[in-house]
């Protein structure tokens, strides 16, 4: 039956299933799983940072699903870790490795947030420039006005407005 399992369909806008938190009772295994997940999330953010640095939209979009899935797993593991009381019983060497990994991850995450903010600002500036250009183009177009006799008067600029008294 394993090979007859129907393929999952991907549809735009649907959320992937949230990953399950590990059911292990061993705190050291949980911390090791967390370290693997942090490394995977860091690697995804490095790919995204590279795509942002090179303004590569396709590469940026290609990592988004992976980023969401790994981030959800990270969240589930952290929630599991925070709900436990036995962190003090963890192997000190594993805790030290985890802290070191978290510090490196924090630096990559800060770089990612900076790059995303730059991209947001650049996109806003582009939108403003497009709107300004469109307004300028509309203002410079020849406008026509109709005189009291109903004939079109060339070269006379007319303004169209709405009376607030109406």
N, C-alpha and C. Protein backbone atom coordinates (compact mmCIF):
# COMPACT_ATOMS: atom_id res chain seq x y z
N UNK A 1 0.81 -1.19 0.00
CA UNK A 1 0.00 0.00 0.00
C UNK A 1 0.86 1.26 0.00
N UNK A 2 2.10 1.17 0.40
CA UNK A 2 2.97 2.33 0.49
C UNK A 2 3.14 2.99 -0.88
N UNK A 3 3.25 2.19 -1.94
CA UNK A 3 3.47 2.74 -3.26
C UNK A 3 2.19 3.20 -3.94
N UNK A 4 1.04 2.82 -3.42
CA UNK A 4 -0.23 3.22 -4.00
C UNK A 4 -0.79 4.48 -3.37
N UNK A 5 -0.02 5.12 -2.54
CA UNK A 5 -0.47 6.34 -1.87
C UNK A 5 -0.65 7.44 -2.92
N UNK A 6 -1.81 8.13 -2.93
CA UNK A 6 -2.02 9.18 -3.93
C UNK A 6 -1.06 10.35 -3.70
N UNK A 7 -0.62 10.93 -4.82
CA UNK A 7 0.31 12.07 -4.74
C UNK A 7 -0.42 13.28 -4.19
N UNK A 8 0.29 14.05 -3.38
CA UNK A 8 -0.30 15.28 -2.85
C UNK A 8 -0.36 16.33 -3.93
N UNK A 9 -1.47 17.02 -3.99
CA UNK A 9 -1.61 18.10 -4.95
C UNK A 9 -1.24 19.40 -4.29
N UNK A 10 -0.43 20.19 -4.99
CA UNK A 10 -0.07 21.51 -4.48
C UNK A 10 -0.98 22.53 -5.13
N UNK A 11 -1.61 23.33 -4.33
CA UNK A 11 -2.44 24.40 -4.87
C UNK A 11 -1.99 25.70 -4.26
N UNK A 12 -2.03 26.75 -5.06
CA UNK A 12 -1.58 28.06 -4.62
C UNK A 12 -2.48 28.57 -3.52
N UNK A 13 -1.90 29.09 -2.48
CA UNK A 13 -2.67 29.73 -1.42
C UNK A 13 -3.09 28.79 -0.30
N UNK A 14 -2.77 27.51 -0.41
CA UNK A 14 -3.14 26.61 0.68
C UNK A 14 -1.96 26.42 1.60
N UNK A 15 -2.26 26.20 2.84
CA UNK A 15 -1.20 26.02 3.83
C UNK A 15 -0.76 24.56 3.85
N UNK A 16 0.56 24.33 3.86
CA UNK A 16 1.02 22.95 4.04
C UNK A 16 0.70 22.51 5.46
N UNK A 17 0.59 21.22 5.66
CA UNK A 17 0.27 20.69 6.98
C UNK A 17 1.37 21.05 7.96
N UNK A 18 0.97 21.44 9.15
CA UNK A 18 1.93 21.81 10.18
C UNK A 18 2.70 20.56 10.61
N UNK A 19 4.03 20.68 10.73
CA UNK A 19 4.82 19.51 11.13
C UNK A 19 4.52 19.12 12.57
N UNK A 20 4.63 17.86 12.82
CA UNK A 20 4.38 17.34 14.15
C UNK A 20 5.62 17.52 15.02
N UNK A 21 5.42 17.89 16.26
CA UNK A 21 6.53 17.96 17.20
C UNK A 21 6.96 16.54 17.52
N UNK A 22 8.25 16.34 17.77
CA UNK A 22 8.71 14.98 18.05
C UNK A 22 8.10 14.46 19.34
N UNK A 23 7.84 13.17 19.36
CA UNK A 23 7.22 12.56 20.53
C UNK A 23 8.26 11.98 21.47
N UNK A 24 9.54 12.24 21.17
CA UNK A 24 10.59 11.64 21.99
C UNK A 24 10.57 12.21 23.40
N UNK A 25 10.91 11.38 24.35
CA UNK A 25 11.00 11.83 25.72
C UNK A 25 12.40 12.27 26.07
N UNK A 26 13.36 12.03 25.18
CA UNK A 26 14.75 12.33 25.45
C UNK A 26 15.07 13.78 25.05
N UNK A 27 15.43 14.60 26.03
CA UNK A 27 15.71 16.01 25.79
C UNK A 27 16.90 16.18 24.85
N UNK A 28 17.89 15.30 24.93
CA UNK A 28 19.06 15.40 24.06
C UNK A 28 18.69 15.17 22.59
N UNK A 29 17.78 14.23 22.35
CA UNK A 29 17.32 13.99 20.97
C UNK A 29 16.54 15.20 20.45
N UNK A 30 15.75 15.80 21.32
CA UNK A 30 15.00 16.99 20.93
C UNK A 30 15.96 18.13 20.55
N UNK A 31 17.00 18.32 21.36
CA UNK A 31 17.97 19.39 21.08
C UNK A 31 18.74 19.13 19.80
N UNK A 32 19.07 17.87 19.54
CA UNK A 32 19.76 17.52 18.28
C UNK A 32 18.85 17.77 17.08
N UNK A 33 17.58 17.41 17.21
CA UNK A 33 16.61 17.66 16.14
C UNK A 33 16.47 19.17 15.90
N UNK A 34 16.48 19.93 16.98
CA UNK A 34 16.40 21.38 16.89
C UNK A 34 17.63 21.94 16.17
N UNK A 35 18.80 21.40 16.46
CA UNK A 35 20.03 21.86 15.80
C UNK A 35 19.98 21.57 14.29
N UNK A 36 19.47 20.42 13.92
CA UNK A 36 19.34 20.08 12.50
C UNK A 36 18.37 21.04 11.82
N UNK A 37 17.28 21.34 12.49
CA UNK A 37 16.28 22.25 11.93
C UNK A 37 16.82 23.68 11.83
N UNK A 38 17.55 24.13 12.82
CA UNK A 38 18.14 25.47 12.77
C UNK A 38 19.12 25.56 11.60
N UNK A 39 19.90 24.52 11.40
CA UNK A 39 20.85 24.49 10.29
C UNK A 39 20.10 24.55 8.95
N UNK A 40 19.02 23.80 8.85
CA UNK A 40 18.23 23.80 7.61
C UNK A 40 17.61 25.18 7.37
N UNK A 41 17.10 25.81 8.42
CA UNK A 41 16.50 27.14 8.28
C UNK A 41 17.56 28.17 7.92
N UNK A 42 18.72 28.06 8.53
CA UNK A 42 19.82 28.97 8.19
C UNK A 42 20.21 28.83 6.71
N UNK A 43 20.28 27.59 6.24
CA UNK A 43 20.63 27.35 4.84
C UNK A 43 19.59 27.94 3.88
N UNK A 44 18.33 27.82 4.24
CA UNK A 44 17.26 28.40 3.40
C UNK A 44 17.39 29.93 3.39
N UNK A 45 17.65 30.52 4.55
CA UNK A 45 17.79 31.98 4.62
C UNK A 45 19.02 32.44 3.84
N UNK A 46 20.08 31.66 3.84
CA UNK A 46 21.26 32.01 3.05
C UNK A 46 20.93 32.00 1.55
N UNK A 47 20.13 31.01 1.11
CA UNK A 47 19.69 30.98 -0.29
C UNK A 47 18.84 32.21 -0.61
N UNK A 48 17.94 32.54 0.30
CA UNK A 48 17.08 33.70 0.09
C UNK A 48 17.90 34.99 0.07
N UNK A 49 18.88 35.09 0.97
CA UNK A 49 19.75 36.27 0.99
C UNK A 49 20.51 36.42 -0.32
N UNK A 50 20.99 35.31 -0.85
CA UNK A 50 21.71 35.34 -2.12
C UNK A 50 20.78 35.79 -3.24
N UNK A 51 19.56 35.27 -3.25
CA UNK A 51 18.59 35.68 -4.27
C UNK A 51 18.27 37.17 -4.16
N UNK A 52 18.13 37.66 -2.95
CA UNK A 52 17.86 39.09 -2.75
C UNK A 52 19.05 39.94 -3.16
N UNK A 53 20.26 39.48 -2.85
CA UNK A 53 21.47 40.24 -3.20
C UNK A 53 21.63 40.36 -4.71
N UNK A 54 21.18 39.34 -5.43
CA UNK A 54 21.32 39.33 -6.89
C UNK A 54 20.01 39.68 -7.61
N UNK A 55 19.03 40.14 -6.87
CA UNK A 55 17.71 40.50 -7.39
C UNK A 55 17.18 39.38 -8.30
N UNK A 56 17.27 38.16 -7.82
CA UNK A 56 16.83 36.99 -8.56
C UNK A 56 15.46 36.56 -8.04
N UNK A 57 14.42 37.06 -8.68
CA UNK A 57 13.05 36.81 -8.23
C UNK A 57 12.70 35.33 -8.26
N UNK A 58 13.11 34.63 -9.30
CA UNK A 58 12.78 33.20 -9.40
C UNK A 58 13.40 32.41 -8.25
N UNK A 59 14.66 32.68 -7.96
CA UNK A 59 15.32 31.97 -6.86
C UNK A 59 14.67 32.33 -5.53
N UNK A 60 14.28 33.60 -5.38
CA UNK A 60 13.62 34.04 -4.15
C UNK A 60 12.30 33.29 -3.96
N UNK A 61 11.50 33.23 -5.01
CA UNK A 61 10.20 32.55 -4.92
C UNK A 61 10.37 31.04 -4.74
N UNK A 62 11.44 30.49 -5.30
CA UNK A 62 11.65 29.05 -5.22
C UNK A 62 11.90 28.57 -3.80
N UNK A 63 12.44 29.41 -2.93
CA UNK A 63 12.75 28.96 -1.56
C UNK A 63 11.62 29.24 -0.57
N UNK A 64 10.55 29.88 -1.00
CA UNK A 64 9.52 30.28 -0.04
C UNK A 64 8.79 29.11 0.59
N UNK A 65 8.41 28.11 -0.19
CA UNK A 65 7.72 26.94 0.39
C UNK A 65 8.62 26.21 1.38
N UNK A 66 9.87 26.03 0.99
CA UNK A 66 10.83 25.36 1.88
C UNK A 66 11.01 26.17 3.17
N UNK A 67 11.10 27.48 3.02
CA UNK A 67 11.28 28.34 4.20
C UNK A 67 10.09 28.21 5.15
N UNK A 68 8.89 28.21 4.62
CA UNK A 68 7.69 28.08 5.47
C UNK A 68 7.68 26.73 6.18
N UNK A 69 7.98 25.67 5.46
CA UNK A 69 7.94 24.33 6.07
C UNK A 69 8.99 24.18 7.17
N UNK A 70 10.21 24.64 6.92
CA UNK A 70 11.26 24.53 7.93
C UNK A 70 10.96 25.44 9.12
N UNK A 71 10.43 26.63 8.84
CA UNK A 71 10.09 27.56 9.93
C UNK A 71 9.00 26.97 10.82
N UNK A 72 8.04 26.28 10.23
CA UNK A 72 6.99 25.64 11.03
C UNK A 72 7.55 24.52 11.90
N UNK A 73 8.48 23.75 11.33
CA UNK A 73 9.10 22.69 12.13
C UNK A 73 9.89 23.31 13.28
N UNK A 74 10.62 24.38 13.00
CA UNK A 74 11.39 25.09 14.03
C UNK A 74 10.45 25.57 15.14
N UNK A 75 9.33 26.16 14.75
CA UNK A 75 8.36 26.65 15.72
C UNK A 75 7.83 25.51 16.59
N UNK A 76 7.50 24.38 15.97
CA UNK A 76 6.97 23.24 16.72
C UNK A 76 8.01 22.71 17.71
N UNK A 77 9.24 22.63 17.26
CA UNK A 77 10.30 22.14 18.16
C UNK A 77 10.53 23.11 19.32
N UNK A 78 10.52 24.39 19.03
CA UNK A 78 10.71 25.39 20.09
C UNK A 78 9.56 25.35 21.09
N UNK A 79 8.35 25.20 20.59
CA UNK A 79 7.19 25.10 21.50
C UNK A 79 7.33 23.87 22.39
N UNK A 80 7.77 22.75 21.81
CA UNK A 80 7.98 21.53 22.58
C UNK A 80 9.06 21.76 23.64
N UNK A 81 10.16 22.41 23.23
CA UNK A 81 11.25 22.67 24.16
C UNK A 81 10.81 23.58 25.30
N UNK A 82 10.07 24.62 24.97
CA UNK A 82 9.63 25.58 26.00
C UNK A 82 8.62 24.97 26.97
N UNK A 83 7.93 23.93 26.53
CA UNK A 83 6.93 23.31 27.41
C UNK A 83 7.54 22.28 28.36
N UNK A 84 8.83 22.03 28.20
CA UNK A 84 9.48 20.98 29.00
C UNK A 84 10.24 21.55 30.19
N UNK A 85 10.33 20.75 31.22
CA UNK A 85 11.06 21.14 32.43
C UNK A 85 12.44 20.49 32.51
N UNK A 86 12.74 19.56 31.62
CA UNK A 86 13.97 18.77 31.76
C UNK A 86 15.16 19.31 30.98
N UNK A 87 15.12 20.58 30.57
CA UNK A 87 16.24 21.16 29.83
C UNK A 87 17.51 21.15 30.69
N UNK A 88 17.34 21.26 31.98
CA UNK A 88 18.51 21.25 32.88
C UNK A 88 19.22 19.91 32.87
N UNK A 89 18.53 18.86 32.45
CA UNK A 89 19.12 17.52 32.40
C UNK A 89 19.83 17.23 31.08
N UNK A 90 19.80 18.19 30.15
CA UNK A 90 20.41 17.98 28.84
C UNK A 90 21.93 17.95 28.95
N UNK A 91 22.53 17.25 28.01
CA UNK A 91 23.99 17.17 27.93
C UNK A 91 24.56 18.58 27.76
N UNK A 92 25.47 19.00 28.64
CA UNK A 92 26.03 20.36 28.56
C UNK A 92 26.72 20.65 27.21
N UNK A 93 27.34 19.64 26.63
CA UNK A 93 28.01 19.83 25.34
C UNK A 93 26.98 20.13 24.24
N UNK A 94 25.86 19.45 24.26
CA UNK A 94 24.80 19.69 23.27
C UNK A 94 24.22 21.08 23.45
N UNK A 95 24.00 21.48 24.71
CA UNK A 95 23.48 22.83 24.98
C UNK A 95 24.45 23.89 24.47
N UNK A 96 25.74 23.66 24.66
CA UNK A 96 26.75 24.60 24.19
C UNK A 96 26.73 24.70 22.66
N UNK A 97 26.64 23.57 21.99
CA UNK A 97 26.58 23.56 20.52
C UNK A 97 25.32 24.28 20.03
N UNK A 98 24.22 24.06 20.71
CA UNK A 98 22.96 24.69 20.32
C UNK A 98 23.06 26.21 20.47
N UNK A 99 23.63 26.68 21.57
CA UNK A 99 23.78 28.12 21.78
C UNK A 99 24.67 28.74 20.70
N UNK A 100 25.73 28.07 20.36
CA UNK A 100 26.64 28.56 19.32
C UNK A 100 25.91 28.62 17.97
N UNK A 101 25.15 27.59 17.67
CA UNK A 101 24.39 27.54 16.42
C UNK A 101 23.33 28.64 16.38
N UNK A 102 22.66 28.88 17.49
CA UNK A 102 21.64 29.93 17.58
C UNK A 102 22.25 31.31 17.31
N UNK A 103 23.47 31.56 17.82
CA UNK A 103 24.11 32.85 17.60
C UNK A 103 24.40 33.07 16.12
N UNK A 104 24.92 32.06 15.43
CA UNK A 104 25.18 32.17 14.00
C UNK A 104 23.88 32.34 13.22
N UNK A 105 22.85 31.63 13.64
CA UNK A 105 21.55 31.73 12.99
C UNK A 105 20.98 33.14 13.14
N UNK A 106 21.16 33.73 14.31
CA UNK A 106 20.66 35.08 14.56
C UNK A 106 21.31 36.08 13.61
N UNK A 107 22.58 35.94 13.33
CA UNK A 107 23.27 36.83 12.40
C UNK A 107 22.72 36.70 10.99
N UNK A 108 22.50 35.47 10.55
CA UNK A 108 21.93 35.24 9.21
C UNK A 108 20.52 35.81 9.14
N UNK A 109 19.75 35.64 10.21
CA UNK A 109 18.39 36.15 10.24
C UNK A 109 18.37 37.68 10.20
N UNK A 110 19.28 38.34 10.91
CA UNK A 110 19.36 39.80 10.88
C UNK A 110 19.69 40.28 9.47
N UNK A 111 20.63 39.61 8.82
CA UNK A 111 20.99 39.95 7.43
C UNK A 111 19.79 39.78 6.52
N UNK A 112 19.03 38.70 6.73
CA UNK A 112 17.84 38.45 5.92
C UNK A 112 16.81 39.55 6.09
N UNK A 113 16.57 39.97 7.33
CA UNK A 113 15.59 41.03 7.59
C UNK A 113 16.03 42.35 6.95
N UNK A 114 17.32 42.64 7.00
CA UNK A 114 17.85 43.85 6.38
C UNK A 114 17.64 43.82 4.87
N UNK A 115 17.94 42.69 4.25
CA UNK A 115 17.78 42.55 2.80
C UNK A 115 16.30 42.64 2.40
N UNK A 116 15.43 42.04 3.19
CA UNK A 116 13.99 42.12 2.90
C UNK A 116 13.49 43.56 3.02
N UNK A 117 13.97 44.29 4.00
CA UNK A 117 13.58 45.69 4.18
C UNK A 117 14.05 46.53 2.99
N UNK A 118 15.28 46.28 2.53
CA UNK A 118 15.78 47.00 1.35
C UNK A 118 14.92 46.72 0.12
N UNK A 119 14.54 45.45 -0.06
CA UNK A 119 13.70 45.09 -1.20
C UNK A 119 12.34 45.76 -1.10
N UNK A 120 11.80 45.82 0.10
CA UNK A 120 10.51 46.49 0.31
C UNK A 120 10.62 47.96 -0.06
N UNK A 121 11.68 48.62 0.41
CA UNK A 121 11.87 50.04 0.10
C UNK A 121 12.06 50.27 -1.39
N UNK A 122 12.81 49.41 -2.04
CA UNK A 122 13.03 49.55 -3.49
C UNK A 122 11.71 49.37 -4.25
N UNK A 123 10.90 48.44 -3.81
CA UNK A 123 9.61 48.20 -4.46
C UNK A 123 8.69 49.40 -4.27
N UNK A 124 8.68 49.97 -3.07
CA UNK A 124 7.87 51.16 -2.81
C UNK A 124 8.32 52.34 -3.67
N UNK A 125 9.64 52.54 -3.79
CA UNK A 125 10.16 53.62 -4.62
C UNK A 125 9.78 53.43 -6.08
N UNK A 126 9.85 52.20 -6.57
CA UNK A 126 9.46 51.91 -7.94
C UNK A 126 7.99 52.22 -8.15
N UNK A 127 7.15 51.82 -7.22
CA UNK A 127 5.72 52.11 -7.32
C UNK A 127 5.44 53.61 -7.33
N UNK A 128 6.15 54.35 -6.46
CA UNK A 128 5.99 55.81 -6.42
C UNK A 128 6.42 56.44 -7.75
N UNK A 129 7.52 55.97 -8.29
CA UNK A 129 8.03 56.50 -9.56
C UNK A 129 7.04 56.23 -10.70
N UNK A 130 6.45 55.05 -10.71
CA UNK A 130 5.47 54.71 -11.75
C UNK A 130 4.25 55.62 -11.63
N UNK A 131 3.76 55.82 -10.41
CA UNK A 131 2.59 56.68 -10.22
C UNK A 131 2.90 58.13 -10.61
N UNK A 132 4.07 58.62 -10.25
CA UNK A 132 4.46 59.99 -10.58
C UNK A 132 4.55 60.16 -12.09
N UNK A 133 5.12 59.18 -12.76
CA UNK A 133 5.23 59.22 -14.22
C UNK A 133 3.85 59.18 -14.87
N UNK A 134 2.96 58.38 -14.35
CA UNK A 134 1.61 58.28 -14.91
C UNK A 134 0.86 59.60 -14.73
N UNK A 135 1.01 60.22 -13.56
CA UNK A 135 0.35 61.51 -13.32
C UNK A 135 0.90 62.58 -14.27
N UNK A 136 2.21 62.61 -14.42
CA UNK A 136 2.84 63.60 -15.29
C UNK A 136 2.39 63.41 -16.73
N UNK A 137 2.31 62.16 -17.16
CA UNK A 137 1.86 61.85 -18.52
C UNK A 137 0.41 62.29 -18.72
N UNK A 138 -0.43 62.06 -17.73
CA UNK A 138 -1.84 62.44 -17.84
C UNK A 138 -1.99 63.95 -17.88
N UNK A 139 -1.17 64.67 -17.12
CA UNK A 139 -1.25 66.12 -17.10
C UNK A 139 -0.79 66.74 -18.42
N UNK A 140 0.14 66.13 -19.07
CA UNK A 140 0.70 66.71 -20.29
C UNK A 140 -0.11 66.39 -21.55
N UNK A 141 -1.07 65.50 -21.43
CA UNK A 141 -1.89 65.16 -22.60
C UNK A 141 -2.76 66.36 -22.99
N UNK A 142 -3.02 66.48 -24.30
CA UNK A 142 -3.89 67.56 -24.80
C UNK A 142 -5.28 67.33 -24.26
N UNK A 143 -5.84 68.40 -23.74
CA UNK A 143 -7.18 68.33 -23.20
C UNK A 143 -8.10 69.21 -24.03
N UNK A 144 -9.31 68.82 -24.16
CA UNK A 144 -10.28 69.56 -24.95
C UNK A 144 -11.41 70.03 -24.04
N UNK A 145 -11.99 71.19 -24.42
CA UNK A 145 -13.12 71.71 -23.67
C UNK A 145 -14.20 72.09 -24.68
N UNK A 146 -15.43 71.99 -24.26
CA UNK A 146 -16.55 72.39 -25.10
C UNK A 146 -16.99 73.78 -24.68
N UNK A 147 -17.20 74.61 -25.69
CA UNK A 147 -17.66 75.97 -25.43
C UNK A 147 -19.16 76.00 -25.20
N UNK A 148 -19.70 77.22 -24.97
CA UNK A 148 -21.13 77.37 -24.69
C UNK A 148 -21.98 77.01 -25.90
N UNK A 149 -21.40 77.09 -27.11
CA UNK A 149 -22.14 76.74 -28.32
C UNK A 149 -22.07 75.25 -28.60
N UNK A 150 -21.37 74.48 -27.78
CA UNK A 150 -21.30 73.04 -27.98
C UNK A 150 -20.17 72.62 -28.90
N UNK A 151 -19.33 73.55 -29.31
CA UNK A 151 -18.21 73.19 -30.18
C UNK A 151 -16.97 72.95 -29.34
N UNK A 152 -16.09 72.09 -29.87
CA UNK A 152 -14.87 71.75 -29.17
C UNK A 152 -13.86 72.87 -29.36
N UNK A 153 -13.23 73.29 -28.30
CA UNK A 153 -12.22 74.35 -28.35
C UNK A 153 -10.86 73.70 -28.13
N UNK A 154 -10.01 73.71 -29.17
CA UNK A 154 -8.69 73.10 -29.07
C UNK A 154 -7.76 73.99 -28.27
N UNK A 155 -6.84 73.34 -27.57
CA UNK A 155 -5.80 74.07 -26.87
C UNK A 155 -6.25 74.67 -25.56
N UNK A 156 -7.52 74.67 -25.28
CA UNK A 156 -8.00 75.21 -24.02
C UNK A 156 -8.01 74.07 -23.02
N UNK A 157 -7.32 74.27 -21.95
CA UNK A 157 -7.29 73.22 -20.93
C UNK A 157 -8.54 73.33 -20.09
N UNK A 158 -9.10 72.21 -19.82
CA UNK A 158 -10.30 72.17 -19.01
C UNK A 158 -10.04 71.31 -17.79
N UNK A 159 -10.67 71.65 -16.74
CA UNK A 159 -10.58 70.82 -15.55
C UNK A 159 -11.95 70.22 -15.29
N UNK A 160 -11.93 69.02 -14.87
CA UNK A 160 -13.18 68.34 -14.57
C UNK A 160 -13.17 68.09 -13.08
N UNK A 161 -14.20 68.52 -12.41
CA UNK A 161 -14.27 68.35 -10.99
C UNK A 161 -15.65 67.95 -10.55
N UNK A 162 -15.80 67.72 -9.31
CA UNK A 162 -17.10 67.36 -8.74
C UNK A 162 -17.47 68.45 -7.77
N UNK A 163 -18.68 68.95 -7.92
CA UNK A 163 -19.16 69.97 -7.00
C UNK A 163 -19.56 69.29 -5.70
N UNK A 164 -19.05 69.79 -4.61
CA UNK A 164 -19.40 69.23 -3.32
C UNK A 164 -20.77 69.68 -2.87
N UNK A 165 -21.36 70.68 -3.57
CA UNK A 165 -22.69 71.17 -3.20
C UNK A 165 -23.77 70.27 -3.74
N UNK A 166 -23.47 69.46 -4.73
CA UNK A 166 -24.49 68.63 -5.37
C UNK A 166 -25.04 67.59 -4.45
